[in-house]
PDB file of all heavy atoms in Angstrom:
ATOM      1  N   LEU A   1      12.366  -5.555   5.120  1.00  0.00           N
ATOM      2  CA  LEU A   1      11.226  -6.304   5.665  1.00  0.00           C
ATOM      3  C   LEU A   1       9.941  -5.762   5.077  1.00  0.00           C
ATOM      4  O   LEU A   1       8.982  -6.535   4.685  1.00  0.00           O
ATOM      5  CB  LEU A   1      11.152  -6.207   7.197  1.00  0.00           C
ATOM      6  CG  LEU A   1      12.224  -7.004   7.893  1.00  0.00           C
ATOM      7  CD1 LEU A   1      12.126  -6.744   9.413  1.00  0.00           C
ATOM      8  CD2 LEU A   1      12.076  -8.499   7.666  1.00  0.00           C
ATOM      9  N   ALA A   2       9.798  -4.421   4.955  1.00  0.00           N
ATOM     10  CA  ALA A   2       8.601  -3.832   4.347  1.00  0.00           C
ATOM     11  C   ALA A   2       8.421  -4.258   2.921  1.00  0.00           C
ATOM     12  O   ALA A   2       7.306  -4.531   2.466  1.00  0.00           O
ATOM     13  CB  ALA A   2       8.663  -2.306   4.465  1.00  0.00           C
ATOM     14  N   MET A   3       9.542  -4.339   2.145  1.00  0.00           N
ATOM     15  CA  MET A   3       9.482  -4.786   0.776  1.00  0.00           C
ATOM     16  C   MET A   3       9.068  -6.239   0.679  1.00  0.00           C
ATOM     17  O   MET A   3       8.196  -6.577  -0.124  1.00  0.00           O
ATOM     18  CB  MET A   3      10.841  -4.567   0.096  1.00  0.00           C
ATOM     19  CG  MET A   3      11.147  -3.165  -0.269  1.00  0.00           C
ATOM     20  SD  MET A   3      12.598  -3.052  -1.371  1.00  0.00           S
ATOM     21  CE  MET A   3      13.894  -3.528  -0.268  1.00  0.00           C
ATOM     22  N   VAL A   4       9.749  -7.081   1.418  1.00  0.00           N
ATOM     23  CA  VAL A   4       9.433  -8.524   1.367  1.00  0.00           C
ATOM     24  C   VAL A   4       7.992  -8.820   1.696  1.00  0.00           C
ATOM     25  O   VAL A   4       7.315  -9.519   0.999  1.00  0.00           O
ATOM     26  CB  VAL A   4      10.404  -9.282   2.310  1.00  0.00           C
ATOM     27  CG1 VAL A   4       9.992 -10.793   2.420  1.00  0.00           C
ATOM     28  CG2 VAL A   4      11.857  -9.187   1.882  1.00  0.00           C
ATOM     29  N   ILE A   5       7.553  -8.239   2.815  1.00  0.00           N
ATOM     30  CA  ILE A   5       6.172  -8.492   3.277  1.00  0.00           C
ATOM     31  C   ILE A   5       5.139  -7.800   2.346  1.00  0.00           C
ATOM     32  O   ILE A   5       4.142  -8.422   1.958  1.00  0.00           O
ATOM     33  CB  ILE A   5       5.957  -8.011   4.697  1.00  0.00           C
ATOM     34  CG1 ILE A   5       6.873  -8.832   5.644  1.00  0.00           C
ATOM     35  CG2 ILE A   5       4.526  -8.144   5.144  1.00  0.00           C
ATOM     36  CD1 ILE A   5       6.895  -8.304   7.105  1.00  0.00           C
ATOM     37  N   GLY A   6       5.441  -6.580   2.000  1.00  0.00           N
ATOM     38  CA  GLY A   6       4.526  -5.820   1.157  1.00  0.00           C
ATOM     39  C   GLY A   6       4.268  -6.493  -0.162  1.00  0.00           C
ATOM     40  O   GLY A   6       3.104  -6.676  -0.585  1.00  0.00           O
ATOM     41  N   MET A   7       5.304  -6.927  -0.871  1.00  0.00           N
ATOM     42  CA  MET A   7       5.146  -7.573  -2.188  1.00  0.00           C
ATOM     43  C   MET A   7       4.644  -9.018  -2.068  1.00  0.00           C
ATOM     44  O   MET A   7       3.964  -9.504  -2.955  1.00  0.00           O
ATOM     45  CB  MET A   7       6.450  -7.514  -2.949  1.00  0.00           C
ATOM     46  CG  MET A   7       6.866  -6.093  -3.406  1.00  0.00           C
ATOM     47  SD  MET A   7       8.168  -6.101  -4.627  1.00  0.00           S
ATOM     48  CE  MET A   7       9.535  -6.766  -3.759  1.00  0.00           C
ATOM     49  N   PHE A   8       4.963  -9.677  -0.929  1.00  0.00           N
ATOM     50  CA  PHE A   8       4.426 -10.991  -0.747  1.00  0.00           C
ATOM     51  C   PHE A   8       2.915 -10.984  -0.750  1.00  0.00           C
ATOM     52  O   PHE A   8       2.257 -11.931  -1.289  1.00  0.00           O
ATOM     53  CB  PHE A   8       4.896 -11.576   0.601  1.00  0.00           C
ATOM     54  CG  PHE A   8       4.479 -13.014   0.845  1.00  0.00           C
ATOM     55  CD1 PHE A   8       5.247 -14.052   0.402  1.00  0.00           C
ATOM     56  CD2 PHE A   8       3.279 -13.272   1.533  1.00  0.00           C
ATOM     57  CE1 PHE A   8       4.876 -15.348   0.646  1.00  0.00           C
ATOM     58  CE2 PHE A   8       2.891 -14.575   1.762  1.00  0.00           C
ATOM     59  CZ  PHE A   8       3.704 -15.629   1.317  1.00  0.00           C
ATOM     60  N   PHE A   9       2.326  -9.978  -0.219  1.00  0.00           N
ATOM     61  CA  PHE A   9       0.859  -9.833  -0.186  1.00  0.00           C
ATOM     62  C   PHE A   9       0.327  -8.886  -1.269  1.00  0.00           C
ATOM     63  O   PHE A   9      -0.808  -8.404  -1.194  1.00  0.00           O
ATOM     64  CB  PHE A   9       0.390  -9.350   1.197  1.00  0.00           C
ATOM     65  CG  PHE A   9       0.667 -10.328   2.294  1.00  0.00           C
ATOM     66  CD1 PHE A   9       1.688 -10.192   3.165  1.00  0.00           C
ATOM     67  CD2 PHE A   9      -0.212 -11.414   2.453  1.00  0.00           C
ATOM     68  CE1 PHE A   9       1.895 -11.105   4.200  1.00  0.00           C
ATOM     69  CE2 PHE A   9      -0.028 -12.368   3.444  1.00  0.00           C
ATOM     70  CZ  PHE A   9       1.059 -12.208   4.305  1.00  0.00           C
ATOM     71  N   GLY A  10       1.140  -8.679  -2.268  1.00  0.00           N
ATOM     72  CA  GLY A  10       0.696  -7.885  -3.429  1.00  0.00           C
ATOM     73  C   GLY A  10       0.384  -6.428  -3.097  1.00  0.00           C
ATOM     74  O   GLY A  10      -0.510  -5.837  -3.692  1.00  0.00           O
ATOM     75  N   MET A  11       1.102  -5.867  -2.121  1.00  0.00           N
ATOM     76  CA  MET A  11       0.882  -4.464  -1.680  1.00  0.00           C
ATOM     77  C   MET A  11      -0.509  -4.250  -1.114  1.00  0.00           C
ATOM     78  O   MET A  11      -1.014  -3.087  -1.164  1.00  0.00           O
ATOM     79  CB  MET A  11       1.125  -3.484  -2.840  1.00  0.00           C
ATOM     80  CG  MET A  11       2.522  -3.596  -3.527  1.00  0.00           C
ATOM     81  SD  MET A  11       3.865  -3.175  -2.374  1.00  0.00           S
ATOM     82  CE  MET A  11       3.600  -1.420  -2.121  1.00  0.00           C
ATOM     83  N   SER A  12      -1.131  -5.320  -0.598  1.00  0.00           N
ATOM     84  CA  SER A  12      -2.489  -5.206  -0.056  1.00  0.00           C
ATOM     85  C   SER A  12      -2.510  -5.035   1.470  1.00  0.00           C
ATOM     86  O   SER A  12      -3.613  -4.836   2.011  1.00  0.00           O
ATOM     87  CB  SER A  12      -3.253  -6.477  -0.442  1.00  0.00           C
ATOM     88  OG  SER A  12      -2.691  -7.636   0.172  1.00  0.00           O
ATOM     89  N   LEU A  13      -1.358  -5.067   2.130  1.00  0.00           N
ATOM     90  CA  LEU A  13      -1.326  -4.943   3.576  1.00  0.00           C
ATOM     91  C   LEU A  13      -0.492  -3.758   4.054  1.00  0.00           C
ATOM     92  O   LEU A  13       0.033  -3.718   5.124  1.00  0.00           O
ATOM     93  CB  LEU A  13      -0.788  -6.188   4.220  1.00  0.00           C
ATOM     94  CG  LEU A  13      -1.653  -7.433   4.106  1.00  0.00           C
ATOM     95  CD1 LEU A  13      -0.990  -8.598   4.795  1.00  0.00           C
ATOM     96  CD2 LEU A  13      -3.052  -7.211   4.691  1.00  0.00           C
ATOM     97  N   SER A  14      -0.410  -2.723   3.214  1.00  0.00           N
ATOM     98  CA  SER A  14       0.349  -1.510   3.619  1.00  0.00           C
ATOM     99  C   SER A  14      -0.442  -0.663   4.609  1.00  0.00           C
ATOM    100  O   SER A  14      -1.657  -0.888   4.797  1.00  0.00           O
ATOM    101  CB  SER A  14       0.689  -0.677   2.363  1.00  0.00           C
ATOM    102  OG  SER A  14       1.472  -1.462   1.508  1.00  0.00           O
ATOM    103  N   LEU A  15       0.232   0.327   5.176  1.00  0.00           N
ATOM    104  CA  LEU A  15      -0.405   1.133   6.224  1.00  0.00           C
ATOM    105  C   LEU A  15      -1.071   2.402   5.687  1.00  0.00           C
ATOM    106  O   LEU A  15      -1.716   3.117   6.426  1.00  0.00           O
ATOM    107  CB  LEU A  15       0.697   1.536   7.246  1.00  0.00           C
ATOM    108  CG  LEU A  15       1.401   0.401   7.977  1.00  0.00           C
ATOM    109  CD1 LEU A  15       2.485   0.932   8.894  1.00  0.00           C
ATOM    110  CD2 LEU A  15       0.393  -0.420   8.764  1.00  0.00           C
ATOM    111  N   GLY A  16      -0.897   2.709   4.411  1.00  0.00           N
ATOM    112  CA  GLY A  16      -1.466   3.910   3.831  1.00  0.00           C
ATOM    113  C   GLY A  16      -2.982   3.900   3.873  1.00  0.00           C
ATOM    114  O   GLY A  16      -3.629   2.856   3.677  1.00  0.00           O
ATOM    115  N   ALA A  17      -3.546   5.071   4.090  1.00  0.00           N
ATOM    116  CA  ALA A  17      -5.006   5.194   4.188  1.00  0.00           C
ATOM    117  C   ALA A  17      -5.523   6.468   3.551  1.00  0.00           C
ATOM    118  O   ALA A  17      -6.468   7.074   4.018  1.00  0.00           O
ATOM    119  CB  ALA A  17      -5.461   5.096   5.638  1.00  0.00           C
ATOM    120  N   ALA A  18      -4.910   6.881   2.438  1.00  0.00           N
ATOM    121  CA  ALA A  18      -5.324   8.062   1.699  1.00  0.00           C
ATOM    122  C   ALA A  18      -6.694   7.818   1.113  1.00  0.00           C
ATOM    123  O   ALA A  18      -6.991   6.722   0.614  1.00  0.00           O
ATOM    124  CB  ALA A  18      -4.332   8.472   0.645  1.00  0.00           C
ATOM    125  N   PRO A  19      -7.609   8.813   1.164  1.00  0.00           N
ATOM    126  CA  PRO A  19      -8.957   8.579   0.580  1.00  0.00           C
ATOM    127  C   PRO A  19      -8.903   8.570  -0.937  1.00  0.00           C
ATOM    128  O   PRO A  19      -8.066   9.231  -1.547  1.00  0.00           O
ATOM    129  CB  PRO A  19      -9.716   9.780   1.086  1.00  0.00           C
ATOM    130  CG  PRO A  19      -8.670  10.885   1.268  1.00  0.00           C
ATOM    131  CD  PRO A  19      -7.440  10.141   1.743  1.00  0.00           C
ATOM    132  N   TRP A  20      -9.758   7.744  -1.531  1.00  0.00           N
ATOM    133  CA  TRP A  20      -9.828   7.672  -2.974  1.00  0.00           C
ATOM    134  C   TRP A  20     -10.746   8.808  -3.491  1.00  0.00           C
ATOM    135  O   TRP A  20     -11.723   9.169  -2.831  1.00  0.00           O
ATOM    136  CB  TRP A  20     -10.405   6.312  -3.407  1.00  0.00           C
ATOM    137  CG  TRP A  20      -9.507   5.198  -3.017  1.00  0.00           C
ATOM    138  CD1 TRP A  20      -9.569   4.460  -1.861  1.00  0.00           C
ATOM    139  CD2 TRP A  20      -8.412   4.667  -3.750  1.00  0.00           C
ATOM    140  NE1 TRP A  20      -8.561   3.538  -1.831  1.00  0.00           N
ATOM    141  CE2 TRP A  20      -7.851   3.643  -2.958  1.00  0.00           C
ATOM    142  CE3 TRP A  20      -7.807   4.980  -4.957  1.00  0.00           C
ATOM    143  CZ2 TRP A  20      -6.717   2.902  -3.396  1.00  0.00           C
ATOM    144  CZ3 TRP A  20      -6.708   4.266  -5.358  1.00  0.00           C
ATOM    145  CH2 TRP A  20      -6.199   3.229  -4.577  1.00  0.00           C
ATOM    146  N   PRO A  21     -10.431   9.425  -4.589  1.00  0.00           N
ATOM    147  CA  PRO A  21      -9.371   9.088  -5.576  1.00  0.00           C
ATOM    148  C   PRO A  21      -7.989   9.708  -5.295  1.00  0.00           C
ATOM    149  O   PRO A  21      -7.062   9.550  -6.099  1.00  0.00           O
ATOM    150  CB  PRO A  21      -9.934   9.652  -6.897  1.00  0.00           C
ATOM    151  CG  PRO A  21     -10.631  10.863  -6.456  1.00  0.00           C
ATOM    152  CD  PRO A  21     -11.275  10.540  -5.137  1.00  0.00           C
ATOM    153  N   TRP A  22      -7.865  10.406  -4.141  1.00  0.00           N
ATOM    154  CA  TRP A  22      -6.567  11.051  -3.876  1.00  0.00           C
ATOM    155  C   TRP A  22      -5.440  10.024  -3.628  1.00  0.00           C
ATOM    156  O   TRP A  22      -4.279  10.313  -3.767  1.00  0.00           O
ATOM    157  CB  TRP A  22      -6.686  11.944  -2.648  1.00  0.00           C
ATOM    158  CG  TRP A  22      -7.669  13.068  -2.843  1.00  0.00           C
ATOM    159  CD1 TRP A  22      -8.869  13.189  -2.314  1.00  0.00           C
ATOM    160  CD2 TRP A  22      -7.461  14.176  -3.688  1.00  0.00           C
ATOM    161  NE1 TRP A  22      -9.489  14.365  -2.763  1.00  0.00           N
ATOM    162  CE2 TRP A  22      -8.603  14.995  -3.625  1.00  0.00           C
ATOM    163  CE3 TRP A  22      -6.408  14.634  -4.530  1.00  0.00           C
ATOM    164  CZ2 TRP A  22      -8.784  16.182  -4.328  1.00  0.00           C
ATOM    165  CZ3 TRP A  22      -6.536  15.798  -5.238  1.00  0.00           C
ATOM    166  CH2 TRP A  22      -7.710  16.582  -5.139  1.00  0.00           C
ATOM    167  N   ALA A  23      -5.864   8.783  -3.325  1.00  0.00           N
ATOM    168  CA  ALA A  23      -4.846   7.683  -3.132  1.00  0.00           C
ATOM    169  C   ALA A  23      -4.066   7.438  -4.386  1.00  0.00           C
ATOM    170  O   ALA A  23      -2.914   7.028  -4.301  1.00  0.00           O
ATOM    171  CB  ALA A  23      -5.563   6.455  -2.680  1.00  0.00           C
ATOM    172  N   TYR A  24      -4.693   7.666  -5.538  1.00  0.00           N
ATOM    173  CA  TYR A  24      -3.961   7.506  -6.810  1.00  0.00           C
ATOM    174  C   TYR A  24      -2.750   8.426  -6.833  1.00  0.00           C
ATOM    175  O   TYR A  24      -1.614   8.043  -7.226  1.00  0.00           O
ATOM    176  CB  TYR A  24      -4.844   7.779  -8.007  1.00  0.00           C
ATOM    177  CG  TYR A  24      -5.875   6.723  -8.313  1.00  0.00           C
ATOM    178  CD1 TYR A  24      -7.263   6.998  -8.163  1.00  0.00           C
ATOM    179  CD2 TYR A  24      -5.501   5.436  -8.712  1.00  0.00           C
ATOM    180  CE1 TYR A  24      -8.182   6.037  -8.413  1.00  0.00           C
ATOM    181  CE2 TYR A  24      -6.471   4.476  -8.961  1.00  0.00           C
ATOM    182  CZ  TYR A  24      -7.785   4.782  -8.809  1.00  0.00           C
ATOM    183  OH  TYR A  24      -8.742   3.814  -9.080  1.00  0.00           O
ATOM    184  N   LEU A  25      -2.941   9.690  -6.480  1.00  0.00           N
ATOM    185  CA  LEU A  25      -1.854  10.674  -6.504  1.00  0.00           C
ATOM    186  C   LEU A  25      -0.827  10.340  -5.400  1.00  0.00           C
ATOM    187  O   LEU A  25       0.372  10.457  -5.660  1.00  0.00           O
ATOM    188  CB  LEU A  25      -2.413  12.048  -6.266  1.00  0.00           C
ATOM    189  CG  LEU A  25      -3.291  12.618  -7.414  1.00  0.00           C
ATOM    190  CD1 LEU A  25      -3.844  14.009  -6.988  1.00  0.00           C
ATOM    191  CD2 LEU A  25      -2.506  12.740  -8.707  1.00  0.00           C
ATOM    192  N   ALA A  26      -1.314   9.930  -4.256  1.00  0.00           N
ATOM    193  CA  ALA A  26      -0.399   9.611  -3.147  1.00  0.00           C
ATOM    194  C   ALA A  26       0.484   8.410  -3.510  1.00  0.00           C
ATOM    195  O   ALA A  26       1.738   8.446  -3.292  1.00  0.00           O
ATOM    196  CB  ALA A  26      -1.207   9.282  -1.851  1.00  0.00           C
TER     197      ALA A  26
END
């Protein structure tokens, strides 16, 4: 379900909230 929904919205609705630029590494 996470894959189907995540990719449907182009990975724009995930729960991650790492600060940038550290989000690149995460």
